[in-house]
Amino acid sequence: MEHPFLFLVDFFDVNGALYHFAHKYPHVMYTWLVMLVLIGLGYLATSKISLVPGKGQNVFEALIGGLEDFLVETVGEEGRWFTPLAATIFIFIFVSNLVGLVPGFFPPTATLNTTGACALVVFVFTHYIGVKYHGAGYVKHFMGPVWWMAPLIMPIEIIGHLARVLSLSFRLFGNMMGHELVLGILFMLAGMYFAPLPIMALGIFVAFVQAFVFFLLTIIYFQGSMEHAH
């Protein structure tokens, strides 16, 4: 979808720097913006850590603590160590989704390149966990319950694991691109500000749900790779 106005793209039109790159890869520009925002907020929240937390520290502690508690309740105490990656994925996707609600901004998650990259990170780390916990025995996850079924089960398992990348990336991309299309149509048909407000309010809910679904599937995949093969 071609946007009539994107702030960062127009900014580089005026300033000349990264002109062609901004026009060709606007999702990368807004991914960098989300990263800078998250790094800045993280620095501000942790620059003055104290026993009596300030507002920023309170917000981050509640957010990270809530995600960690949910992960431990779902996976168990043994999964606490991969909270940093799982929580980072949730926060990045949630903020990226919210960016699309700001006029002149484009959500990076409305591009398959971004969602595919997140899905690939989950895919690689899932199998890293499997090898970490089971070593060479991790291959048993792909061989089925009895050895003579391995030639049949292994291709199915491999296809199923590869399909996770498509499932994670296309689900998030489809929902966010669909939301962008609806907003774009409303902008053109009914005005810049008032008509899209209900959809934008719903967009906050959609942004959270899509980020949480990605986070939930991520920790389920991590948990599956930790379990012993049956």
Protein backbone atom coordinates (compact mmCIF):
# COMPACT_ATOMS: atom_id res chain seq x y z
CA MET A 1 0.00 0.00 0.00
CA GLU A 2 1.36 3.40 -1.01
CA HIS A 3 0.98 5.95 1.76
CA PRO A 4 0.24 9.56 0.79
CA PHE A 5 2.43 10.86 3.60
CA LEU A 6 5.14 9.22 5.69
CA PHE A 7 7.01 11.52 8.03
CA LEU A 8 10.45 9.90 7.85
CA VAL A 9 10.31 9.46 4.08
CA ASP A 10 9.33 13.10 3.57
CA PHE A 11 11.97 14.16 6.06
CA PHE A 12 14.70 12.58 3.94
CA ASP A 13 13.11 14.07 0.83
CA VAL A 14 13.82 17.49 2.30
CA ASN A 15 17.22 16.72 3.76
CA GLY A 16 18.50 14.51 0.95
CA ALA A 17 20.17 11.92 3.19
CA LEU A 18 19.15 8.32 2.59
CA TYR A 19 16.56 9.52 0.05
CA HIS A 20 16.42 6.39 -2.10
CA PHE A 21 16.73 4.02 0.85
CA ALA A 22 13.86 5.72 2.71
CA HIS A 23 11.56 5.46 -0.30
CA LYS A 24 12.42 1.83 -1.01
CA TYR A 25 12.49 0.54 2.58
CA PRO A 26 10.21 2.71 4.76
CA HIS A 27 9.65 -0.23 7.12
CA VAL A 28 13.38 -0.27 7.90
CA MET A 29 13.33 3.44 8.74
CA TYR A 30 10.45 2.97 11.14
CA THR A 31 12.05 -0.15 12.62
CA TRP A 32 15.09 1.97 13.44
CA LEU A 33 12.79 4.57 14.97
CA VAL A 34 11.10 1.96 17.18
CA MET A 35 14.51 0.64 18.24
CA LEU A 36 15.74 4.13 19.14
CA VAL A 37 12.55 4.84 21.12
CA LEU A 38 12.84 1.57 23.07
CA ILE A 39 16.55 2.06 23.74
CA GLY A 40 15.89 5.63 24.91
CA LEU A 41 13.03 4.60 27.19
CA GLY A 42 15.04 1.71 28.56
CA TYR A 43 17.97 4.03 29.32
CA LEU A 44 15.76 6.60 31.03
CA ALA A 45 14.04 3.91 33.09
CA THR A 46 17.27 2.26 34.24
CA SER A 47 19.61 5.24 34.53
CA LYS A 48 18.48 5.91 38.09
CA ILE A 49 17.49 2.53 39.51
CA SER A 50 16.65 2.77 43.20
CA LEU A 51 14.83 0.87 45.94
CA VAL A 52 12.14 3.55 45.72
CA PRO A 53 11.42 3.38 41.97
CA GLY A 54 10.38 6.36 39.92
CA LYS A 55 7.56 6.38 37.38
CA GLY A 56 9.62 5.02 34.50
CA GLN A 57 11.14 2.27 36.60
CA ASN A 58 7.70 1.36 37.93
CA VAL A 59 6.26 1.00 34.42
CA PHE A 60 9.11 -1.16 33.17
CA GLU A 61 9.16 -3.31 36.31
CA ALA A 62 5.42 -3.93 36.01
CA LEU A 63 5.69 -4.74 32.30
CA ILE A 64 8.74 -7.00 32.46
CA GLY A 65 7.63 -8.58 35.74
CA GLY A 66 4.19 -9.34 34.33
CA LEU A 67 5.61 -10.95 31.21
CA GLU A 68 8.10 -12.97 33.25
CA ASP A 69 5.43 -14.18 35.67
CA PHE A 70 3.20 -15.23 32.78
CA LEU A 71 6.08 -17.04 31.10
CA VAL A 72 7.03 -18.91 34.28
CA GLU A 73 3.41 -19.91 34.89
CA THR A 74 3.18 -21.22 31.32
CA VAL A 75 6.59 -22.84 30.87
CA GLY A 76 7.79 -23.36 34.43
CA GLU A 77 10.68 -22.02 36.44
CA GLU A 78 13.15 -23.57 34.02
CA GLY A 79 12.06 -21.20 31.28
CA ARG A 80 12.83 -18.01 33.19
CA TRP A 81 16.21 -17.62 31.52
CA PHE A 82 14.77 -16.87 28.07
CA THR A 83 12.46 -14.13 29.39
CA PRO A 84 14.72 -11.37 27.96
CA LEU A 85 14.26 -12.59 24.38
CA ALA A 86 10.54 -13.38 24.67
CA ALA A 87 9.79 -10.06 26.43
CA THR A 88 11.84 -8.11 23.87
CA ILE A 89 9.86 -9.70 21.05
CA PHE A 90 6.56 -8.73 22.71
CA ILE A 91 7.60 -5.14 23.44
CA PHE A 92 9.11 -4.60 19.99
CA ILE A 93 6.05 -5.97 18.17
CA PHE A 94 3.60 -4.10 20.40
CA VAL A 95 5.33 -0.74 19.94
CA SER A 96 5.77 -1.39 16.21
CA ASN A 97 2.04 -2.08 15.95
CA LEU A 98 1.19 1.11 17.86
CA VAL A 99 3.38 3.23 15.58
CA GLY A 100 0.85 2.75 12.80
CA LEU A 101 -1.79 4.63 14.81
CA VAL A 102 0.22 7.86 14.58
CA PRO A 103 -0.60 9.86 11.41
CA GLY A 104 2.41 9.92 9.10
CA PHE A 105 3.95 6.81 10.62
CA PHE A 106 4.13 3.28 9.22
CA PRO A 107 4.05 0.15 11.41
CA PRO A 108 7.09 -2.02 10.61
CA THR A 109 4.97 -5.10 11.36
CA ALA A 110 2.76 -4.32 8.34
CA THR A 111 5.65 -5.56 6.18
CA LEU A 112 6.43 -9.23 5.74
CA ASN A 113 10.18 -8.54 5.96
CA THR A 114 9.86 -7.43 9.59
CA THR A 115 7.46 -10.15 10.72
CA GLY A 116 9.52 -12.77 8.88
CA ALA A 117 12.69 -11.59 10.65
CA CYS A 118 10.97 -11.90 14.05
CA ALA A 119 9.68 -15.36 13.13
CA LEU A 120 13.16 -16.48 12.04
CA VAL A 121 14.61 -15.35 15.38
CA VAL A 122 12.02 -17.49 17.17
CA PHE A 123 12.67 -20.43 14.83
CA VAL A 124 16.45 -20.38 15.32
CA PHE A 125 16.26 -19.90 19.10
CA THR A 126 13.69 -22.69 19.42
CA HIS A 127 16.14 -25.19 17.99
CA TYR A 128 19.02 -23.66 19.94
CA ILE A 129 17.07 -24.44 23.11
CA GLY A 130 16.42 -27.99 21.86
CA VAL A 131 20.10 -28.63 21.24
CA LYS A 132 21.05 -26.93 24.52
CA TYR A 133 18.78 -29.22 26.57
CA HIS A 134 19.06 -32.49 24.63
CA GLY A 135 22.25 -32.31 22.60
CA ALA A 136 22.29 -34.69 19.63
CA GLY A 137 19.26 -36.42 21.16
CA TYR A 138 17.14 -33.46 20.05
CA VAL A 139 16.76 -35.22 16.71
CA LYS A 140 14.35 -37.62 18.47
CA HIS A 141 11.78 -34.81 18.44
CA PHE A 142 11.55 -35.32 14.68
CA MET A 143 11.54 -39.14 14.55
CA GLY A 144 8.21 -40.09 16.09
CA PRO A 145 7.41 -42.56 18.90
CA VAL A 146 9.04 -45.61 17.26
CA TRP A 147 12.14 -45.79 15.09
CA TRP A 148 10.54 -47.48 12.09
CA MET A 149 8.14 -44.53 11.67
CA ALA A 150 11.02 -42.04 11.35
CA PRO A 151 11.05 -41.94 7.49
CA LEU A 152 7.39 -40.91 7.58
CA ILE A 153 7.38 -38.67 10.66
CA MET A 154 10.61 -36.75 10.07
CA PRO A 155 9.54 -34.98 6.82
CA ILE A 156 6.19 -34.09 8.42
CA GLU A 157 7.93 -32.68 11.51
CA ILE A 158 10.40 -30.67 9.43
CA ILE A 159 7.60 -29.21 7.32
CA GLY A 160 5.64 -28.42 10.49
CA HIS A 161 8.57 -26.54 12.03
CA LEU A 162 9.21 -24.60 8.83
CA ALA A 163 5.51 -23.77 8.66
CA ARG A 164 5.82 -22.04 12.03
CA VAL A 165 7.85 -19.30 10.36
CA LEU A 166 5.08 -18.75 7.81
CA SER A 167 2.37 -18.94 10.45
CA LEU A 168 3.98 -16.41 12.78
CA SER A 169 4.99 -13.97 10.06
CA PHE A 170 1.83 -14.05 7.90
CA ARG A 171 -0.58 -13.86 10.85
CA LEU A 172 1.02 -10.69 12.21
CA PHE A 173 1.62 -9.17 8.77
CA GLY A 174 -1.93 -9.87 7.58
CA ASN A 175 -3.60 -8.35 10.61
CA MET A 176 -1.47 -5.21 10.67
CA MET A 177 -1.61 -4.64 6.92
CA GLY A 178 -5.38 -5.15 7.02
CA HIS A 179 -5.65 -2.51 9.73
CA GLU A 180 -3.53 -0.12 7.66
CA LEU A 181 -5.75 -0.67 4.63
CA VAL A 182 -8.93 0.01 6.62
CA LEU A 183 -7.46 3.23 8.05
CA GLY A 184 -6.30 4.31 4.61
CA ILE A 185 -9.74 3.79 3.11
CA LEU A 186 -11.41 5.72 5.92
CA PHE A 187 -8.94 8.58 5.55
CA MET A 188 -9.84 8.91 1.87
CA LEU A 189 -13.60 8.47 2.24
CA ALA A 190 -14.54 10.25 5.44
CA GLY A 191 -11.89 12.72 6.52
CA MET A 192 -8.55 12.80 8.23
CA TYR A 193 -9.45 12.83 11.92
CA PHE A 194 -12.95 11.90 13.06
CA ALA A 195 -13.99 8.91 10.95
CA PRO A 196 -10.97 6.68 11.74
CA LEU A 197 -11.10 7.27 15.52
CA PRO A 198 -13.15 4.14 16.35
CA ILE A 199 -10.87 2.03 14.17
CA MET A 200 -7.80 3.60 15.77
CA ALA A 201 -9.18 2.84 19.23
CA LEU A 202 -9.76 -0.74 18.14
CA GLY A 203 -6.25 -0.68 16.70
CA ILE A 204 -4.76 -0.34 20.20
CA PHE A 205 -6.53 -3.55 21.18
CA VAL A 206 -5.45 -5.28 17.96
CA ALA A 207 -1.85 -4.13 18.50
CA PHE A 208 -1.80 -5.71 21.96
CA VAL A 209 -3.56 -8.93 20.93
CA GLN A 210 -1.27 -9.55 17.96
CA ALA A 211 1.86 -8.90 20.02
CA PHE A 212 0.58 -11.17 22.80
CA VAL A 213 -0.33 -13.99 20.39
CA PHE A 214 3.17 -13.84 18.89
CA PHE A 215 4.66 -13.84 22.41
CA LEU A 216 2.46 -16.75 23.53
CA LEU A 217 3.28 -18.90 20.50
CA THR A 218 6.95 -18.08 20.99
CA ILE A 219 7.06 -19.41 24.54
CA ILE A 220 4.97 -22.46 23.56
CA TYR A 221 7.54 -23.30 20.87
CA PHE A 222 10.36 -22.77 23.37
CA GLN A 223 8.62 -25.04 25.87
CA GLY A 224 8.13 -27.74 23.24
CA SER A 225 11.84 -27.81 22.43
CA MET A 226 12.68 -28.19 26.14
CA GLU A 227 10.45 -31.24 26.63
CA HIS A 228 11.69 -34.78 26.16
CA ALA A 229 10.68 -36.54 22.98
CA HIS A 230 7.99 -39.20 23.31
